């Protein structure tokens, strides 16, 4: 009988409790404060990334017109190489199609590196990202 046939085993009690605590935390911080923090970190990231030679940032450069995600390419460096180099420095970005092959094909982009920012990120994280991308430039050149 439904729903019991879909609920075999022990329910995810820890997950339910954690979800409640996370929701309480977000309510305490406030969604407006979270959005403002994300926008500030994003604005700083767009500014700092824009200082790098050979970087191609996709999407609007106005932080009010985007969310906390920046897709980019750098000169001749393949996004997977960018990701690997940054990973060796303890910086996590995503590389590839981002499950959007048709969109990327439409815009003629084979792959991108993608950094994302949220409540738990700071401008220090952006500075580490930029420093890591300088390492990428040292290996591949800036353009």
Protein backbone atom coordinates (compact mmCIF):
# COMPACT_ATOMS: atom_id res chain seq x y z
CA UNK A 1 0.00 0.00 0.00
CA UNK A 2 1.11 3.53 -0.77
CA UNK A 3 2.98 5.29 0.83
CA UNK A 4 4.51 2.45 2.89
CA UNK A 5 5.89 0.58 -0.12
CA UNK A 6 8.07 3.64 -0.87
CA UNK A 7 9.25 4.11 2.72
CA UNK A 8 11.23 0.96 3.48
CA UNK A 9 13.95 1.19 6.12
CA UNK A 10 14.75 3.84 8.66
CA UNK A 11 13.69 7.37 7.70
CA UNK A 12 16.43 9.98 7.31
CA UNK A 13 15.91 11.40 10.81
CA UNK A 14 19.29 13.16 10.92
CA UNK A 15 18.56 14.75 7.54
CA UNK A 16 15.18 16.03 8.72
CA UNK A 17 16.69 17.54 11.87
CA UNK A 18 19.55 19.09 9.90
CA UNK A 19 17.13 20.58 7.38
CA UNK A 20 15.22 22.23 10.21
CA UNK A 21 18.40 23.65 11.77
CA UNK A 22 19.54 24.95 8.37
CA UNK A 23 16.16 26.63 7.79
CA UNK A 24 16.35 28.24 11.25
CA UNK A 25 19.87 29.50 10.47
CA UNK A 26 18.78 31.05 7.18
CA UNK A 27 15.79 32.69 8.86
CA UNK A 28 18.07 34.08 11.58
CA UNK A 29 20.54 35.55 9.09
CA UNK A 30 17.74 36.80 6.85
CA UNK A 31 17.35 36.37 3.13
CA UNK A 32 17.88 40.07 2.43
CA UNK A 33 21.21 39.98 4.28
CA UNK A 34 22.22 36.84 2.41
CA UNK A 35 21.35 38.42 -0.95
CA UNK A 36 23.28 41.59 -0.07
CA UNK A 37 26.35 39.60 1.03
CA UNK A 38 26.25 37.49 -2.13
CA UNK A 39 25.91 40.61 -4.30
CA UNK A 40 28.87 42.28 -2.53
CA UNK A 41 31.14 39.25 -2.92
CA UNK A 42 30.00 38.85 -6.53
CA UNK A 43 30.72 42.53 -7.30
CA UNK A 44 34.20 42.18 -5.80
CA UNK A 45 34.79 38.98 -7.78
CA UNK A 46 33.72 40.58 -11.06
CA UNK A 47 36.01 43.54 -10.37
CA UNK A 48 39.02 41.38 -9.44
CA UNK A 49 38.54 38.90 -12.27
CA UNK A 50 38.21 41.79 -14.70
CA UNK A 51 41.75 42.85 -13.77
CA UNK A 52 43.19 39.65 -15.27
CA UNK A 53 44.49 39.69 -18.83
CA UNK A 54 42.92 37.20 -21.18
CA UNK A 55 39.88 36.37 -19.08
CA UNK A 56 36.50 36.00 -20.79
CA UNK A 57 33.60 36.39 -18.35
CA UNK A 58 30.23 35.19 -19.64
CA UNK A 59 27.06 37.05 -18.78
CA UNK A 60 26.40 40.54 -17.45
CA UNK A 61 29.10 42.28 -15.44
CA UNK A 62 26.57 44.14 -13.30
CA UNK A 63 26.19 42.11 -10.08
CA UNK A 64 22.56 43.21 -9.83
CA UNK A 65 21.83 41.36 -13.08
CA UNK A 66 23.20 37.95 -12.09
CA UNK A 67 23.38 35.42 -9.30
CA UNK A 68 26.48 34.30 -7.41
CA UNK A 69 27.93 32.30 -10.30
CA UNK A 70 30.65 33.38 -12.73
CA UNK A 71 31.49 31.30 -15.79
CA UNK A 72 34.75 32.16 -17.51
CA UNK A 73 37.58 31.09 -19.80
CA UNK A 74 41.22 32.18 -19.83
CA UNK A 75 43.14 32.40 -23.09
CA UNK A 76 44.40 29.02 -24.27
CA UNK A 77 43.90 27.28 -20.92
CA UNK A 78 41.24 24.57 -21.11
CA UNK A 79 38.67 24.87 -18.30
CA UNK A 80 39.60 21.39 -17.03
CA UNK A 81 43.24 22.51 -16.76
CA UNK A 82 42.14 25.64 -14.92
CA UNK A 83 40.12 23.50 -12.53
CA UNK A 84 43.00 21.07 -11.94
CA UNK A 85 45.51 23.83 -11.23
CA UNK A 86 43.12 25.62 -8.88
CA UNK A 87 42.31 22.33 -7.15
CA UNK A 88 46.02 21.81 -6.45
CA UNK A 89 45.89 25.14 -4.60
CA UNK A 90 42.80 24.16 -2.60
CA UNK A 91 40.37 26.20 -4.71
CA UNK A 92 37.22 24.48 -5.97
CA UNK A 93 35.65 25.49 -9.26
CA UNK A 94 33.65 23.47 -11.72
CA UNK A 95 34.69 22.92 -15.33
CA UNK A 96 32.93 21.63 -18.41
CA UNK A 97 29.45 21.94 -19.90
CA UNK A 98 27.65 22.35 -16.55
CA UNK A 99 24.83 20.11 -17.83
CA UNK A 100 23.96 22.77 -20.40
CA UNK A 101 25.47 21.41 -23.62
CA UNK A 102 22.73 22.76 -25.89
CA UNK A 103 23.00 26.27 -24.48
CA UNK A 104 26.78 26.23 -24.75
CA UNK A 105 26.58 24.89 -28.30
CA UNK A 106 24.11 27.67 -29.17
CA UNK A 107 26.60 30.29 -27.96
CA UNK A 108 29.62 28.54 -29.51
CA UNK A 109 31.31 27.83 -26.18
CA UNK A 110 32.86 24.38 -25.78
CA UNK A 111 33.37 24.54 -22.00
CA UNK A 112 33.87 27.03 -19.17
CA UNK A 113 35.28 27.18 -15.67
CA UNK A 114 32.71 28.26 -13.11
CA UNK A 115 33.14 29.79 -9.67
CA UNK A 116 30.22 30.27 -7.32
CA UNK A 117 29.78 32.45 -4.25
CA UNK A 118 27.31 32.38 -1.37
CA UNK A 119 26.90 33.26 2.27
CA UNK A 120 29.91 31.18 3.34
CA UNK A 121 32.31 32.90 0.92
CA UNK A 122 34.23 36.12 1.50
CA UNK A 123 36.39 38.50 -0.48
CA UNK A 124 39.38 36.53 0.83
CA UNK A 125 38.10 33.56 -1.18
CA UNK A 126 37.92 35.78 -4.26
CA UNK A 127 41.51 36.90 -3.69
CA UNK A 128 42.62 33.26 -3.45
CA UNK A 129 40.79 32.51 -6.70
CA UNK A 130 42.49 35.40 -8.47
CA UNK A 131 45.90 34.36 -7.11
CA UNK A 132 45.23 30.84 -8.39
CA UNK A 133 44.30 32.19 -11.81
CA UNK A 134 47.59 34.10 -11.87
CA UNK A 135 49.23 30.66 -11.50
CA UNK A 136 47.19 29.46 -14.48
CA UNK A 137 48.43 32.46 -16.47
CA UNK A 138 52.03 31.66 -15.51
CA UNK A 139 51.63 28.21 -17.05
CA UNK A 140 49.51 28.99 -20.11
CA UNK A 141 50.15 32.67 -20.71
CA UNK A 142 47.58 35.39 -20.30
CA UNK A 143 46.03 35.47 -23.75
